[in-house]
Amino acid sequence: MIAYLCQADEVWEACGSKAVTSAQQDMVGRELRKIPGLVNIRYRSQKEALEDLSGTELAGVVSERDLPEVFSGELIRWRDAEAISAAAKALPGVSNVYVHPARFWEDKADVGIVLCGFAEGFYECEGRGVATGEEIAAIEAWVRRAKGVRLVYFVDRAYEMRLAQRLQEIWTPENVKPGRVEGYSESFYARLSDPRSAQSLVDAVKGLPGVADVFKVRD
């Protein structure tokens, strides 16, 4: 769950074009910690939000004042999502609330590395085919040798498809349709000794042959 705090000239009706006050910010944090089924409440300032964008395409484009302060938390049970969202939205100083089910890798890894896939998938690499066995072996060896890497997981297409379908069932159970395994890509997930070094690994790996995308799992 992410609760966005009001900014000046906010478009959300709940804010009335007024920024959240310090008193409201403190109150929101206290009240969120009282909500049953919501745990691990964390506050992120505008400065921290800007630092999180370091090394991304948005760095240098947005400023600190463009980003809202937020509180984040984790749901124990997805069935409580609607009630938790309503309770958080009702708090003065909150502009909007986004509730999402936890991704499988959020508590298991810090960096995800998606490999080049088939042309019909989401991660086709332009001008080439899927990652070769040699490329996959080289990527794995490089990541395992990287400083601060504790664990490396390999995920094949079939398992990636099952994870995606499970998430889809949570969101729109009436619209779930069997997918084709060729539509998914193989990937690696790495757990680090210090999660704060995730961006360094992302920057180092993204240029390796056979890599389609690299990202911080909890960005």
Protein backbone atom coordinates (compact mmCIF):
# COMPACT_ATOMS: atom_id res chain seq x y z
CA MET A 1 0.00 0.00 0.00
CA ILE A 2 1.19 3.51 -0.82
CA ALA A 3 -0.52 6.58 0.68
CA TYR A 4 0.43 9.77 -1.16
CA LEU A 5 0.41 12.98 0.88
CA CYS A 6 -1.06 16.23 -0.41
CA GLN A 7 1.06 18.79 -2.21
CA ALA A 8 0.31 22.46 -2.86
CA ASP A 9 -1.97 22.95 -5.88
CA GLU A 10 -2.84 19.23 -5.75
CA VAL A 11 -5.46 18.08 -8.27
CA TRP A 12 -7.04 15.61 -5.84
CA GLU A 13 -10.27 16.89 -4.29
CA ALA A 14 -9.32 15.60 -0.85
CA CYS A 15 -6.42 18.07 -0.68
CA GLY A 16 -8.23 21.30 -1.53
CA SER A 17 -5.07 22.63 -3.22
CA LYS A 18 -3.26 22.62 0.15
CA ALA A 19 -0.08 20.78 1.07
CA VAL A 20 -0.05 18.36 3.99
CA THR A 21 0.99 19.97 7.28
CA SER A 22 3.58 18.55 9.68
CA ALA A 23 0.82 17.80 12.18
CA GLN A 24 -1.19 15.94 9.53
CA GLN A 25 1.88 13.99 8.43
CA ASP A 26 2.51 12.81 12.00
CA MET A 27 -1.17 11.94 12.42
CA VAL A 28 -1.26 9.92 9.17
CA GLY A 29 1.72 7.86 10.32
CA ARG A 30 0.10 7.15 13.70
CA GLU A 31 -3.28 6.24 12.24
CA LEU A 32 -1.85 3.97 9.55
CA ARG A 33 -0.02 2.00 12.25
CA LYS A 34 -3.36 1.41 14.00
CA ILE A 35 -5.07 -0.15 10.96
CA PRO A 36 -5.50 -3.94 11.45
CA GLY A 37 -3.82 -6.01 8.76
CA LEU A 38 -1.38 -3.27 7.71
CA VAL A 39 2.26 -3.68 8.81
CA ASN A 40 5.77 -2.33 8.18
CA ILE A 41 4.71 1.30 7.79
CA ARG A 42 7.50 3.44 6.34
CA TYR A 43 7.73 7.15 5.52
CA ARG A 44 9.55 8.46 2.43
CA SER A 45 10.37 12.15 2.10
CA GLN A 46 10.54 14.13 -1.13
CA LYS A 47 14.34 14.10 -0.89
CA GLU A 48 14.41 10.31 -0.54
CA ALA A 49 12.02 9.93 -3.47
CA LEU A 50 14.35 12.02 -5.64
CA GLU A 51 17.37 9.97 -4.55
CA ASP A 52 15.52 6.81 -5.59
CA LEU A 53 15.36 8.19 -9.14
CA SER A 54 19.14 8.55 -9.35
CA GLY A 55 20.44 6.75 -12.42
CA THR A 56 17.01 6.53 -14.09
CA GLU A 57 15.65 8.38 -17.11
CA LEU A 58 13.73 10.72 -14.80
CA ALA A 59 16.86 11.92 -13.00
CA GLY A 60 17.43 15.55 -13.93
CA VAL A 61 13.91 15.87 -15.35
CA VAL A 62 11.93 16.09 -12.11
CA SER A 63 12.82 18.07 -9.01
CA GLU A 64 12.30 17.34 -5.34
CA ARG A 65 9.19 19.54 -5.18
CA ASP A 66 7.57 17.52 -8.00
CA LEU A 67 7.48 14.36 -5.88
CA PRO A 68 5.00 13.72 -3.06
CA GLU A 69 5.80 12.47 0.41
CA VAL A 70 4.43 8.98 0.93
CA PHE A 71 3.76 6.36 3.55
CA SER A 72 4.03 2.73 2.47
CA GLY A 73 2.93 -0.46 4.18
CA GLU A 74 2.32 -4.14 3.57
CA LEU A 75 -1.01 -5.98 3.68
CA ILE A 76 -1.15 -9.21 5.65
CA ARG A 77 -4.29 -10.35 3.79
CA TRP A 78 -5.33 -9.21 0.32
CA ARG A 79 -9.03 -9.52 1.25
CA ASP A 80 -8.54 -6.49 3.54
CA ALA A 81 -7.38 -4.28 0.65
CA GLU A 82 -10.65 -2.40 0.11
CA ALA A 83 -11.16 -1.61 3.80
CA ILE A 84 -7.54 -0.54 4.30
CA SER A 85 -7.64 1.67 1.21
CA ALA A 86 -10.83 3.38 2.42
CA ALA A 87 -9.41 3.96 5.90
CA ALA A 88 -6.20 5.47 4.55
CA LYS A 89 -8.00 7.70 2.02
CA ALA A 90 -10.16 9.15 4.81
CA LEU A 91 -7.14 10.56 6.66
CA PRO A 92 -6.65 14.37 6.35
CA GLY A 93 -3.56 15.15 4.30
CA VAL A 94 -3.78 12.02 2.12
CA SER A 95 -4.33 12.71 -1.58
CA ASN A 96 -4.64 9.18 -2.92
CA VAL A 97 -3.97 5.57 -1.97
CA TYR A 98 -2.67 2.76 -4.14
CA VAL A 99 -3.01 -0.79 -2.84
CA HIS A 100 -1.33 -3.67 -4.62
CA PRO A 101 -0.63 -7.32 -3.79
CA ALA A 102 2.98 -8.02 -2.87
CA ARG A 103 5.08 -9.28 -5.71
CA PHE A 104 6.63 -12.71 -5.23
CA TRP A 105 10.22 -11.45 -5.17
CA GLU A 106 9.76 -8.43 -2.88
CA ASP A 107 11.05 -10.22 0.23
CA LYS A 108 13.44 -12.56 -1.58
CA ALA A 109 15.61 -10.47 -3.91
CA ASP A 110 16.87 -6.94 -4.53
CA VAL A 111 17.60 -6.92 -8.28
CA GLY A 112 15.76 -8.54 -11.20
CA ILE A 113 17.49 -9.30 -14.52
CA VAL A 114 15.19 -10.14 -17.43
CA LEU A 115 16.75 -11.93 -20.41
CA CYS A 116 15.97 -11.38 -24.09
CA GLY A 117 12.86 -13.34 -25.03
CA PHE A 118 10.91 -14.47 -28.07
CA ALA A 119 9.48 -11.98 -30.56
CA GLU A 120 5.93 -12.53 -29.28
CA GLY A 121 6.88 -11.73 -25.69
CA PHE A 122 7.22 -8.52 -23.70
CA TYR A 123 11.02 -8.59 -23.66
CA GLU A 124 12.05 -9.01 -27.26
CA CYS A 125 15.50 -7.51 -27.86
CA GLU A 126 15.49 -5.62 -31.15
CA GLY A 127 17.67 -7.06 -33.87
CA ARG A 128 18.38 -10.37 -32.16
CA GLY A 129 16.73 -13.49 -30.77
CA VAL A 130 16.46 -14.98 -27.30
CA ALA A 131 19.40 -15.05 -24.93
CA THR A 132 21.68 -17.96 -25.83
CA GLY A 133 22.90 -20.61 -23.42
CA GLU A 134 26.37 -19.09 -23.52
CA GLU A 135 25.02 -15.62 -22.72
CA ILE A 136 22.90 -16.94 -19.86
CA ALA A 137 25.90 -18.76 -18.37
CA ALA A 138 28.07 -15.64 -18.71
CA ILE A 139 25.43 -13.41 -17.06
CA GLU A 140 25.02 -15.82 -14.16
CA ALA A 141 28.78 -16.09 -13.66
CA TRP A 142 29.17 -12.30 -13.74
CA VAL A 143 26.38 -11.72 -11.24
CA ARG A 144 27.62 -14.40 -8.85
CA ARG A 145 31.07 -12.79 -8.83
CA ALA A 146 29.72 -9.27 -8.30
CA LYS A 147 30.54 -7.64 -4.98
CA GLY A 148 27.84 -7.96 -2.35
CA VAL A 149 25.75 -10.64 -4.10
CA ARG A 150 24.58 -13.27 -1.59
CA LEU A 151 22.16 -15.40 -3.60
CA VAL A 152 21.22 -15.77 -7.28
CA TYR A 153 17.97 -17.38 -8.45
CA PHE A 154 17.24 -18.48 -12.02
CA VAL A 155 13.60 -18.38 -13.17
CA ASP A 156 12.54 -20.24 -16.31
CA ARG A 157 9.65 -19.20 -18.57
CA ALA A 158 7.16 -21.70 -17.16
CA TYR A 159 7.68 -20.51 -13.60
CA GLU A 160 7.54 -16.85 -14.64
CA MET A 161 4.22 -17.55 -16.37
CA ARG A 162 2.79 -19.17 -13.22
CA LEU A 163 3.79 -16.18 -11.09
CA ALA A 164 2.20 -13.75 -13.57
CA GLN A 165 -1.03 -15.74 -13.73
CA ARG A 166 -1.25 -15.90 -9.94
CA LEU A 167 -0.97 -12.10 -9.74
CA GLN A 168 -3.57 -11.71 -12.49
CA GLU A 169 -5.98 -13.96 -10.58
CA ILE A 170 -5.75 -11.59 -7.60
CA TRP A 171 -6.53 -8.52 -9.70
CA THR A 172 -9.08 -9.77 -12.23
CA PRO A 173 -10.07 -13.38 -11.52
CA GLU A 174 -12.91 -13.26 -14.05
CA ASN A 175 -10.56 -12.34 -16.90
CA VAL A 176 -7.75 -14.85 -16.40
CA LYS A 177 -6.84 -16.67 -19.60
CA PRO A 178 -4.09 -19.25 -20.12
CA GLY A 179 -1.00 -17.66 -21.61
CA ARG A 180 1.69 -19.05 -23.88
CA VAL A 181 5.01 -19.83 -22.27
CA GLU A 182 6.78 -18.17 -25.21
CA GLY A 183 5.33 -14.85 -24.08
CA TYR A 184 7.53 -14.87 -20.97
CA SER A 185 11.26 -14.47 -20.52
CA GLU A 186 13.84 -16.23 -18.40
CA SER A 187 15.32 -14.15 -15.62
CA PHE A 188 17.72 -13.97 -12.71
CA TYR A 189 17.01 -12.49 -9.30
CA ALA A 190 19.84 -11.48 -6.98
CA ARG A 191 19.80 -10.91 -3.24
CA LEU A 192 22.43 -8.51 -1.91
CA SER A 193 24.23 -8.17 1.41
CA ASP A 194 23.31 -4.47 1.33
CA PRO A 195 20.10 -3.68 -0.61
CA ARG A 196 21.22 -0.06 -0.88
CA SER A 197 23.81 -1.14 -3.47
CA ALA A 198 21.10 -2.42 -5.84
CA GLN A 199 21.44 0.51 -8.26
CA SER A 200 25.16 -0.20 -8.71
CA LEU A 201 24.39 -3.76 -9.80
CA VAL A 202 21.60 -2.54 -12.09
CA ASP A 203 23.98 -0.13 -13.83
CA ALA A 204 26.68 -2.78 -14.23
CA VAL A 205 24.46 -5.55 -15.62
CA LYS A 206 22.18 -3.68 -18.03
CA GLY A 207 24.75 -3.62 -20.84
CA LEU A 208 25.55 -7.34 -20.84
CA PRO A 209 24.66 -9.30 -24.03
CA GLY A 210 21.35 -11.13 -23.64
CA VAL A 211 19.93 -8.76 -21.01
CA ALA A 212 16.59 -7.12 -21.87
CA ASP A 213 15.91 -5.26 -18.62
CA VAL A 214 17.36 -4.80 -15.13
CA PHE A 215 15.47 -3.29 -12.20
CA LYS A 216 15.41 -2.86 -8.45
CA VAL A 217 12.77 -5.21 -7.05
CA ARG A 218 11.56 -2.76 -4.41
CA ASP A 219 11.98 0.46 -6.40
